[in-house]
Amino acid sequence: MNGIEQERLLARRIVQRMGETGQPPERGALRVNVGTDVFLEALKREYLEPIRAVGLNSTFKLIQGPFGGGKSHFLRCFREIAWQEGFATSLVNVSPRECPFTDMQQIYRRVAETVELPPGDDVAEPVQGIDAVLRQIVEARAEATDEPTLFEWLRNEAAHARVESHAWRRAAFLYMEAVLARQTQRTELLGDWLRGTRVPSSEVQRLGVREDLEPSTAFRWLRSLVQLFRVLDIPGIVLMFDEMDRTLSLPRRQRREIGDNLRQLIDSCGQSILPSAVCLYAVPPEFMTNVVPEYPALEQRLRGPTTFSDVCPTAPIIDLDRVPLAPEEMLRAIGKKLFGLYTIAHPEAALDEATQDANLLALARQIGGSQLEIGSRRTFVRAAVALLAEQHRAGQRILDEEEIRRLAGLSAELPPALEGEEVF
């Protein structure tokens, strides 16, 4: 598949998803991003680029935004920027039932399961998991050098690599050796262990790996995973945690446990034990008023005179409510992005830019002036895709006011977004 075909396939996927659900895509998020470019560019300039250059400047940022206000979309956009810079990434959905931030064993497992290297292209299926990542790295090196040299490198690195958990370091390098030696049973055993899956202790102890994933070791394993990437010549890793709003209903004791774990993560980012890492944690605004004050040590680290901006990139909180566009401006900008994608997805439509710009502007004014700002994005996206599809298949023309109201009204009748459902 050539580059033009890949672009067309990705554009079709994005248009279909946004037309069907009104939600931004998981892949290709940057292509429809509006309003947060200044935050993304500042994060890239102040953190990703220095980390890639010299391995310094690890950071923690709290992403704050209302329900449906674009937190997940922002994380996906930043993930794509991190991939462009060569970083490994892990995006973890945190929820009280499936993956609570009170349980660092679960957090480690989800990071180990979701970590991935930059994909080969925008339409490639993601290859996730610490075992898959290590396999990719060692197989890529095997193509560039002979096996004896590679085996010698692995054994030298295994002895000297600065990785906190000796057991974790040994397991990682033994796994890569087993991949080279095509030892299927050993790779499966060590791959499961690295992912945090419970395996018989006797089997890994025979390999000199004498540690299990426990509450007392989970944070050390997470730090060790992060530390390994720089050893293996990956610029760094971006850890992203998307906290669902339901955390606010947790008992006070559990909220304090979340605060304590966050405090440890923040402190680790400021020290050499968590090198070359950018950690983002996305929460609703109520997190700062209902959770953080219960844990003074965390509040001291997050409270500040201002929020993150292009001129103040050291502030720990990125507030997605502070985008520089008014609702109507934002909808019009989203419309322009959708038009560009639709023309790539359906070049046969030969849509006239001036005609469709007039239609999309009228739709943005109709929806932006009659609905709440957050809900209007979902309504507008579905209406805009429907508009472009009709213009494609039924012929192009400037729509009258009644037709614009009809499109806006049909989309407005959609049920509200569910908890955890992402808008923009």
Protein backbone atom coordinates (compact mmCIF):
# COMPACT_ATOMS: atom_id res chain seq x y z
CA MET A 1 0.00 0.00 0.00
CA ASN A 2 1.52 3.31 -1.08
CA GLY A 3 1.38 6.57 0.83
CA ILE A 4 -1.64 7.95 -1.05
CA GLU A 5 -3.64 4.78 -0.41
CA GLN A 6 -2.69 4.85 3.28
CA GLU A 7 -3.81 8.47 3.59
CA ARG A 8 -7.11 7.67 1.90
CA LEU A 9 -7.74 4.65 4.12
CA LEU A 10 -6.97 6.59 7.30
CA ALA A 11 -9.16 9.50 6.17
CA ARG A 12 -12.06 7.13 5.48
CA ARG A 13 -11.70 5.55 8.91
CA ILE A 14 -11.70 8.95 10.60
CA VAL A 15 -14.68 10.26 8.63
CA GLN A 16 -16.68 7.09 9.25
CA ARG A 17 -16.04 7.07 12.98
CA MET A 18 -16.79 10.75 13.41
CA GLY A 19 -19.88 10.57 11.21
CA GLU A 20 -21.25 7.55 13.05
CA THR A 21 -20.49 8.50 16.66
CA GLY A 22 -19.40 12.13 16.71
CA GLN A 23 -16.24 11.01 18.49
CA PRO A 24 -12.61 11.67 17.53
CA PRO A 25 -10.56 8.73 16.25
CA GLU A 26 -8.05 6.66 18.16
CA ARG A 27 -5.57 6.84 15.27
CA GLY A 28 -5.10 10.02 13.27
CA ALA A 29 -6.23 12.19 16.19
CA LEU A 30 -3.91 15.05 15.20
CA ARG A 31 -5.67 15.37 11.86
CA VAL A 32 -8.83 16.62 13.55
CA ASN A 33 -7.31 18.40 16.51
CA VAL A 34 -8.43 21.96 17.13
CA GLY A 35 -7.64 24.41 19.91
CA THR A 36 -4.93 22.59 21.89
CA ASP A 37 -2.04 22.88 19.42
CA VAL A 38 -0.29 25.44 21.61
CA PHE A 39 -0.23 23.00 24.55
CA LEU A 40 0.97 20.11 22.41
CA GLU A 41 3.72 22.14 20.77
CA ALA A 42 4.94 23.45 24.13
CA LEU A 43 5.11 19.92 25.55
CA LYS A 44 7.07 18.79 22.52
CA ARG A 45 9.49 21.73 22.63
CA GLU A 46 10.05 21.81 26.39
CA TYR A 47 10.16 18.08 27.12
CA LEU A 48 10.18 15.62 24.22
CA GLU A 49 12.95 17.36 22.27
CA PRO A 50 15.31 17.85 25.26
CA ILE A 51 14.71 14.28 26.43
CA ARG A 52 15.48 12.94 22.98
CA ALA A 53 18.63 15.04 22.79
CA VAL A 54 20.21 14.40 26.19
CA GLY A 55 17.90 12.16 28.20
CA LEU A 56 16.99 14.82 30.75
CA ASN A 57 13.90 16.77 31.81
CA SER A 58 11.40 14.10 32.83
CA THR A 59 8.08 15.65 33.80
CA PHE A 60 4.60 15.09 35.17
CA LYS A 61 1.54 17.04 33.97
CA LEU A 62 -2.05 16.85 35.17
CA ILE A 63 -4.48 17.23 32.25
CA GLN A 64 -7.68 18.87 33.50
CA GLY A 65 -10.92 19.02 31.55
CA PRO A 66 -14.67 18.50 32.04
CA PHE A 67 -16.49 15.29 31.21
CA GLY A 68 -16.51 14.94 27.42
CA GLY A 69 -14.11 17.88 27.19
CA GLY A 70 -11.37 16.23 25.13
CA LYS A 71 -8.97 14.71 27.67
CA SER A 72 -8.67 11.35 25.90
CA HIS A 73 -8.39 13.08 22.53
CA PHE A 74 -5.58 15.26 23.87
CA LEU A 75 -3.69 12.18 25.10
CA ARG A 76 -4.05 10.48 21.72
CA CYS A 77 -2.77 13.59 19.96
CA PHE A 78 0.26 13.76 22.23
CA ARG A 79 0.87 10.04 21.70
CA GLU A 80 1.15 10.67 17.95
CA ILE A 81 3.60 13.53 18.53
CA ALA A 82 5.66 11.28 20.81
CA TRP A 83 5.74 8.62 18.09
CA GLN A 84 7.03 11.22 15.62
CA GLU A 85 9.89 11.87 18.05
CA GLY A 86 10.67 8.14 18.38
CA PHE A 87 9.29 7.64 21.89
CA ALA A 88 7.64 4.52 23.25
CA THR A 89 4.18 5.17 24.67
CA SER A 90 1.63 3.61 26.98
CA LEU A 91 -1.96 4.84 27.25
CA VAL A 92 -3.82 3.35 30.23
CA ASN A 93 -7.51 3.81 30.98
CA VAL A 94 -7.76 4.02 34.76
CA SER A 95 -11.04 3.03 36.40
CA PRO A 96 -12.01 1.88 39.91
CA ARG A 97 -13.32 -1.47 38.68
CA GLU A 98 -10.81 -2.60 36.04
CA CYS A 99 -7.61 -0.69 36.74
CA PRO A 100 -7.64 1.48 39.88
CA PHE A 101 -4.73 3.80 40.52
CA THR A 102 -4.85 2.53 44.10
CA ASP A 103 -3.43 -0.80 42.87
CA MET A 104 0.06 -0.33 41.47
CA GLN A 105 0.26 -4.00 40.49
CA GLN A 106 -2.66 -3.45 38.12
CA ILE A 107 -1.15 -0.20 36.89
CA TYR A 108 2.14 -1.93 36.12
CA ARG A 109 0.31 -4.73 34.28
CA ARG A 110 -1.66 -2.28 32.15
CA VAL A 111 1.48 -0.28 31.29
CA ALA A 112 3.31 -3.51 30.41
CA GLU A 113 0.37 -4.65 28.27
CA THR A 114 -0.15 -1.38 26.39
CA VAL A 115 3.40 -0.09 25.86
CA GLU A 116 4.28 0.22 22.18
CA LEU A 117 6.92 1.60 19.85
CA PRO A 118 6.04 4.08 17.10
CA PRO A 119 4.01 2.25 14.43
CA GLY A 120 5.34 1.91 10.94
CA ASP A 121 2.47 3.95 9.50
CA ASP A 122 -0.86 5.47 10.49
CA VAL A 123 -2.96 2.48 9.41
CA ALA A 124 -0.79 -0.29 10.88
CA GLU A 125 -2.31 -2.29 13.71
CA PRO A 126 -0.65 -1.47 17.05
CA VAL A 127 1.82 -4.01 18.42
CA GLN A 128 1.54 -3.69 22.17
CA GLY A 129 3.16 -5.28 25.20
CA ILE A 130 6.62 -5.09 26.74
CA ASP A 131 7.47 -8.52 25.34
CA ALA A 132 6.43 -7.47 21.81
CA VAL A 133 8.46 -4.26 22.15
CA LEU A 134 11.60 -6.11 23.25
CA ARG A 135 11.13 -8.58 20.39
CA GLN A 136 10.87 -5.70 17.90
CA ILE A 137 14.03 -4.11 19.27
CA VAL A 138 16.16 -7.24 19.23
CA GLU A 139 14.93 -8.35 15.80
CA ALA A 140 15.71 -4.91 14.37
CA ARG A 141 19.24 -5.11 15.80
CA ALA A 142 19.61 -8.64 14.41
CA GLU A 143 19.05 -7.26 10.91
CA ALA A 144 21.91 -4.80 11.41
CA THR A 145 24.56 -7.07 12.94
CA ASP A 146 25.58 -10.72 13.27
CA GLU A 147 24.16 -12.89 16.04
CA PRO A 148 27.41 -13.47 18.00
CA THR A 149 27.97 -9.71 18.27
CA LEU A 150 24.37 -9.21 19.33
CA PHE A 151 24.55 -11.95 21.96
CA GLU A 152 27.71 -10.36 23.36
CA TRP A 153 26.04 -6.93 23.46
CA LEU A 154 23.02 -8.33 25.30
CA ARG A 155 25.16 -10.02 27.92
CA ASN A 156 27.32 -6.95 28.48
CA GLU A 157 24.27 -4.70 28.78
CA ALA A 158 22.56 -7.17 31.10
CA ALA A 159 25.52 -6.91 33.46
CA HIS A 160 25.87 -3.13 33.44
CA ALA A 161 22.52 -1.58 32.54
CA ARG A 162 21.22 0.91 35.11
CA VAL A 163 17.89 -0.74 35.85
CA GLU A 164 16.64 -0.65 39.43
CA SER A 165 15.26 -4.19 39.73
CA HIS A 166 17.99 -6.72 39.06
CA ALA A 167 15.38 -9.44 38.55
CA TRP A 168 13.46 -7.34 36.03
CA ARG A 169 16.63 -6.43 34.16
CA ARG A 170 17.73 -10.07 34.01
CA ALA A 171 14.33 -11.21 32.78
CA ALA A 172 14.27 -8.56 30.03
CA PHE A 173 17.69 -9.47 28.65
CA LEU A 174 17.10 -13.22 29.01
CA TYR A 175 13.89 -12.72 27.05
CA MET A 176 15.75 -10.99 24.21
CA GLU A 177 18.39 -13.72 24.19
CA ALA A 178 15.64 -16.33 24.01
CA VAL A 179 14.09 -14.51 21.04
CA LEU A 180 17.44 -14.64 19.23
CA ALA A 181 17.93 -18.30 20.12
CA ARG A 182 14.33 -19.10 19.07
CA GLN A 183 13.58 -20.66 22.46
CA THR A 184 9.79 -20.53 22.29
CA GLN A 185 8.99 -21.89 25.76
CA ARG A 186 11.46 -19.56 27.46
CA THR A 187 10.18 -16.49 25.57
CA GLU A 188 6.59 -17.33 26.55
CA LEU A 189 7.55 -17.81 30.21
CA LEU A 190 9.61 -14.62 30.46
CA GLY A 191 7.15 -12.63 28.35
CA ASP A 192 4.35 -13.53 30.76
CA TRP A 193 6.54 -12.61 33.74
CA LEU A 194 7.45 -9.23 32.23
CA ARG A 195 3.77 -8.47 31.61
CA GLY A 196 3.06 -9.15 35.28
CA THR A 197 1.21 -12.41 34.68
CA ARG A 198 1.55 -14.84 37.55
CA VAL A 199 3.91 -17.70 36.60
CA PRO A 200 5.30 -20.53 38.77
CA SER A 201 8.12 -19.01 40.82
CA SER A 202 10.19 -22.18 40.52
CA GLU A 203 10.32 -21.87 36.72
CA VAL A 204 11.73 -18.34 36.67
CA GLN A 205 13.97 -18.88 39.70
CA ARG A 206 15.81 -21.55 37.72
CA LEU A 207 16.75 -18.72 35.34
CA GLY A 208 18.02 -16.55 38.17
CA VAL A 209 14.90 -14.35 38.27
CA ARG A 210 14.04 -14.24 41.97
CA GLU A 211 11.28 -11.67 42.31
CA ASP A 212 7.52 -11.56 41.79
CA LEU A 213 5.12 -8.72 41.10
CA GLU A 214 3.82 -7.73 44.54
CA PRO A 215 2.51 -4.49 46.09
CA SER A 216 6.00 -3.87 47.44
CA THR A 217 7.70 -4.35 44.04
CA ALA A 218 5.16 -2.84 41.61
CA PHE A 219 6.53 0.71 41.60
CA ARG A 220 10.08 -0.60 41.24
CA TRP A 221 9.01 -2.71 38.26
CA LEU A 222 7.37 0.32 36.66
CA ARG A 223 10.52 2.40 37.15
CA SER A 224 12.63 -0.46 35.77
CA LEU A 225 10.49 -0.67 32.64
CA VAL A 226 10.99 3.06 32.07
CA GLN A 227 14.73 2.88 32.75
CA LEU A 228 15.25 0.11 30.21
CA PHE A 229 14.18 2.14 27.19
CA ARG A 230 17.08 4.56 27.34
CA VAL A 231 19.44 1.59 27.73
CA LEU A 232 18.04 0.18 24.47
CA ASP A 233 18.54 3.47 22.59
CA ILE A 234 14.85 4.46 22.59
CA PRO A 235 14.70 8.23 23.36
CA GLY A 236 12.23 7.77 26.19
CA ILE A 237 8.68 6.82 27.09
CA VAL A 238 5.41 8.70 27.50
CA LEU A 239 3.12 7.27 30.18
CA MET A 240 -0.48 8.47 29.92
CA PHE A 241 -3.20 7.70 32.44
CA ASP A 242 -6.80 8.56 31.58
CA GLU A 243 -8.75 8.72 34.84
CA MET A 244 -12.50 8.16 34.54
CA ASP A 245 -14.83 10.52 36.40
CA ARG A 246 -16.06 7.73 38.65
CA THR A 247 -12.93 8.07 40.79
CA LEU A 248 -14.63 10.98 42.54
CA SER A 249 -17.17 8.60 44.10
CA LEU A 250 -14.52 6.42 45.74
CA PRO A 251 -14.26 6.23 49.55
CA ARG A 252 -11.91 8.76 51.13
CA ARG A 253 -9.30 6.13 52.00
CA GLN A 254 -8.99 5.06 48.36
CA ARG A 255 -8.81 8.65 47.17
CA ARG A 256 -5.91 9.19 49.56
CA GLU A 257 -4.20 6.08 48.14
CA ILE A 258 -4.52 7.56 44.66
CA GLY A 259 -3.01 10.78 45.99
CA ASP A 260 -0.11 8.92 47.54
CA ASN A 261 0.64 6.98 44.34
CA LEU A 262 0.44 10.16 42.28
CA ARG A 263 2.79 11.90 44.68
CA GLN A 264 5.30 9.06 44.25
CA LEU A 265 5.00 9.28 40.47
CA ILE A 266 5.51 13.05 40.50
CA ASP A 267 8.54 12.75 42.77
CA SER A 268 10.04 10.03 40.58
CA CYS A 269 9.73 12.29 37.52
CA GLY A 270 11.90 14.83 39.31
CA GLN A 271 14.66 12.32 39.99
CA SER A 272 17.06 10.20 37.98
CA ILE A 273 15.20 6.98 38.92
CA LEU A 274 12.59 7.78 36.24
CA PRO A 275 14.69 9.08 33.36
CA SER A 276 13.51 10.17 29.93
CA ALA A 277 9.83 10.02 30.84
CA VAL A 278 6.81 12.24 30.31
CA CYS A 279 3.86 11.30 32.54
CA LEU A 280 0.41 12.69 31.83
CA TYR A 281 -2.58 12.08 34.10
CA ALA A 282 -6.02 13.19 32.85
CA VAL A 283 -8.77 14.10 35.34
CA PRO A 284 -11.98 16.17 35.57
CA PRO A 285 -11.73 19.60 37.26
CA GLU A 286 -13.40 18.22 40.40
CA PHE A 287 -10.27 16.20 41.04
CA MET A 288 -8.45 19.33 42.17
CA THR A 289 -11.26 20.37 44.52
CA ASN A 290 -12.49 17.01 45.86
CA VAL A 291 -9.44 14.71 45.86
CA VAL A 292 -6.22 16.72 45.94
CA PRO A 293 -7.01 18.74 49.12
CA GLU A 294 -7.34 15.48 51.07
CA TYR A 295 -3.66 14.81 50.46
CA PRO A 296 -1.57 17.92 51.34
CA ALA A 297 1.67 16.47 49.97
CA LEU A 298 0.05 16.12 46.55
CA GLU A 299 -1.61 19.53 46.74
CA GLN A 300 1.78 21.16 47.41
CA ARG A 301 3.11 19.64 44.20
CA LEU A 302 0.16 20.61 42.00
CA ARG A 303 -1.07 23.97 43.24
CA GLY A 304 0.49 26.97 41.57
CA PRO A 305 -0.15 30.59 40.58
CA THR A 306 -0.99 29.67 36.98
CA THR A 307 -1.64 26.78 34.60
CA PHE A 308 0.48 25.42 31.77
CA SER A 309 0.87 27.65 28.74
CA ASP A 310 3.31 28.46 25.96
CA VAL A 311 4.90 31.12 28.19
CA CYS A 312 4.72 29.08 31.41
CA PRO A 313 5.47 25.46 30.46
CA THR A 314 6.72 24.51 33.93
CA ALA A 315 3.23 24.74 35.49
CA PRO A 316 2.03 21.24 36.42
CA ILE A 317 -1.62 21.58 35.30
CA ILE A 318 -2.81 21.76 31.69
CA ASP A 319 -6.37 23.15 31.69
CA LEU A 320 -8.23 22.15 28.52
CA ASP A 321 -10.97 24.64 29.31
CA ARG A 322 -8.51 27.42 28.47
CA VAL A 323 -8.37 26.94 24.71
CA PRO A 324 -8.06 30.18 22.72
CA LEU A 325 -11.14 29.64 20.51
CA ALA A 326 -14.76 30.62 21.08
CA PRO A 327 -17.35 27.84 20.47
CA GLU A 328 -18.33 29.01 17.00
CA GLU A 329 -14.68 29.45 15.97
CA MET A 330 -13.85 25.96 17.21
CA LEU A 331 -16.73 24.37 15.30
CA ARG A 332 -15.74 26.20 12.12
CA ALA A 333 -12.13 25.00 12.51
CA ILE A 334 -13.33 21.42 13.05
CA GLY A 335 -15.45 21.78 9.91
CA LYS A 336 -12.43 22.79 7.85
CA LYS A 337 -10.53 19.73 9.11
CA LEU A 338 -13.47 17.46 8.27
CA PHE A 339 -13.75 18.95 4.78
CA GLY A 340 -10.05 18.28 4.16
CA LEU A 341 -10.37 14.69 5.34
CA TYR A 342 -13.53 14.08 3.32
CA THR A 343 -11.84 15.26 0.12
CA ILE A 344 -8.96 12.84 0.78
CA ALA A 345 -11.33 9.97 1.61
CA HIS A 346 -13.61 10.67 -1.39
CA PRO A 347 -11.67 12.49 -4.11
CA GLU A 348 -14.37 11.48 -6.60
CA ALA A 349 -16.78 13.87 -4.82
CA ALA A 350 -14.87 16.92 -6.15
CA LEU A 351 -16.42 19.09 -3.45
CA ASP A 352 -16.17 22.84 -3.99
CA GLU A 353 -14.34 24.42 -1.07
CA ALA A 354 -16.12 27.78 -1.16
CA THR A 355 -19.59 26.18 -1.28
CA GLN A 356 -18.88 23.77 1.56
CA ASP A 357 -17.14 26.42 3.64
CA ALA A 358 -20.32 28.50 3.46
CA ASN A 359 -22.45 25.50 4.45
CA LEU A 360 -20.20 24.50 7.33
CA LEU A 361 -20.00 28.08 8.58
CA ALA A 362 -23.80 28.29 8.67
CA LEU A 363 -23.94 24.96 10.50
CA ALA A 364 -21.32 26.12 13.03
CA ARG A 365 -23.31 29.30 13.72
CA GLN A 366 -26.55 27.37 14.11
CA ILE A 367 -25.16 24.77 16.51
CA GLY A 368 -22.64 26.98 18.30
CA GLY A 369 -25.28 29.55 19.09
CA SER A 370 -27.92 27.15 20.39
CA GLN A 371 -26.11 24.45 22.43
CA LEU A 372 -23.69 24.05 25.28
CA GLU A 373 -20.12 24.22 24.01
CA ILE A 374 -19.01 20.66 24.84
CA GLY A 375 -22.15 18.91 23.58
CA SER A 376 -22.13 21.05 20.46
CA ARG A 377 -18.92 19.46 19.22
CA ARG A 378 -20.43 16.00 19.00
CA THR A 379 -23.60 17.39 17.39
CA PHE A 380 -21.64 19.45 14.90
CA VAL A 381 -19.29 16.64 13.86
CA ARG A 382 -22.12 14.27 12.98
CA ALA A 383 -24.08 17.00 11.21
CA ALA A 384 -21.01 18.14 9.25
CA VAL A 385 -20.21 14.64 7.98
CA ALA A 386 -23.86 14.13 7.03
CA LEU A 387 -23.81 17.47 5.20
CA LEU A 388 -20.69 16.59 3.21
CA ALA A 389 -22.05 13.12 2.36
CA GLU A 390 -25.31 14.62 1.08
CA GLN A 391 -23.42 17.21 -0.98
CA HIS A 392 -21.26 14.40 -2.38
CA ARG A 393 -24.14 12.12 -3.38
CA ALA A 394 -27.04 14.49 -4.06
CA GLY A 395 -25.21 17.39 -5.66
CA GLN A 396 -23.54 20.53 -4.37
CA ARG A 397 -25.34 23.75 -3.50
CA ILE A 398 -25.60 26.36 -0.77
CA LEU A 399 -28.12 25.14 1.79
CA ASP A 400 -30.85 27.45 3.02
CA GLU A 401 -31.53 28.24 6.66
CA GLU A 402 -34.25 25.61 7.02
CA GLU A 403 -31.97 22.87 5.67
CA ILE A 404 -29.20 23.87 8.07
CA ARG A 405 -31.65 23.75 10.98
CA ARG A 406 -32.77 20.30 9.86
CA LEU A 407 -29.21 18.96 9.88
CA ALA A 408 -28.49 20.54 13.26
CA GLY A 409 -31.78 19.28 14.70
CA LEU A 410 -31.32 15.69 13.57
CA SER A 411 -27.90 15.53 15.22
CA ALA A 412 -29.12 17.29 18.36
CA GLU A 413 -31.68 14.51 18.88
CA LEU A 414 -28.84 12.06 19.56
CA PRO A 415 -28.61 10.75 23.13
CA PRO A 416 -26.04 12.49 25.35
CA ALA A 417 -22.55 11.02 25.60
CA LEU A 418 -22.20 8.20 28.11
CA GLU A 419 -19.78 8.32 31.02
CA GLY A 420 -16.32 7.55 29.66
CA GLU A 421 -17.37 8.35 26.07
CA GLU A 422 -14.98 10.80 24.49
CA VAL A 423 -16.05 13.86 22.58
CA PHE A 424 -13.34 16.51 21.87
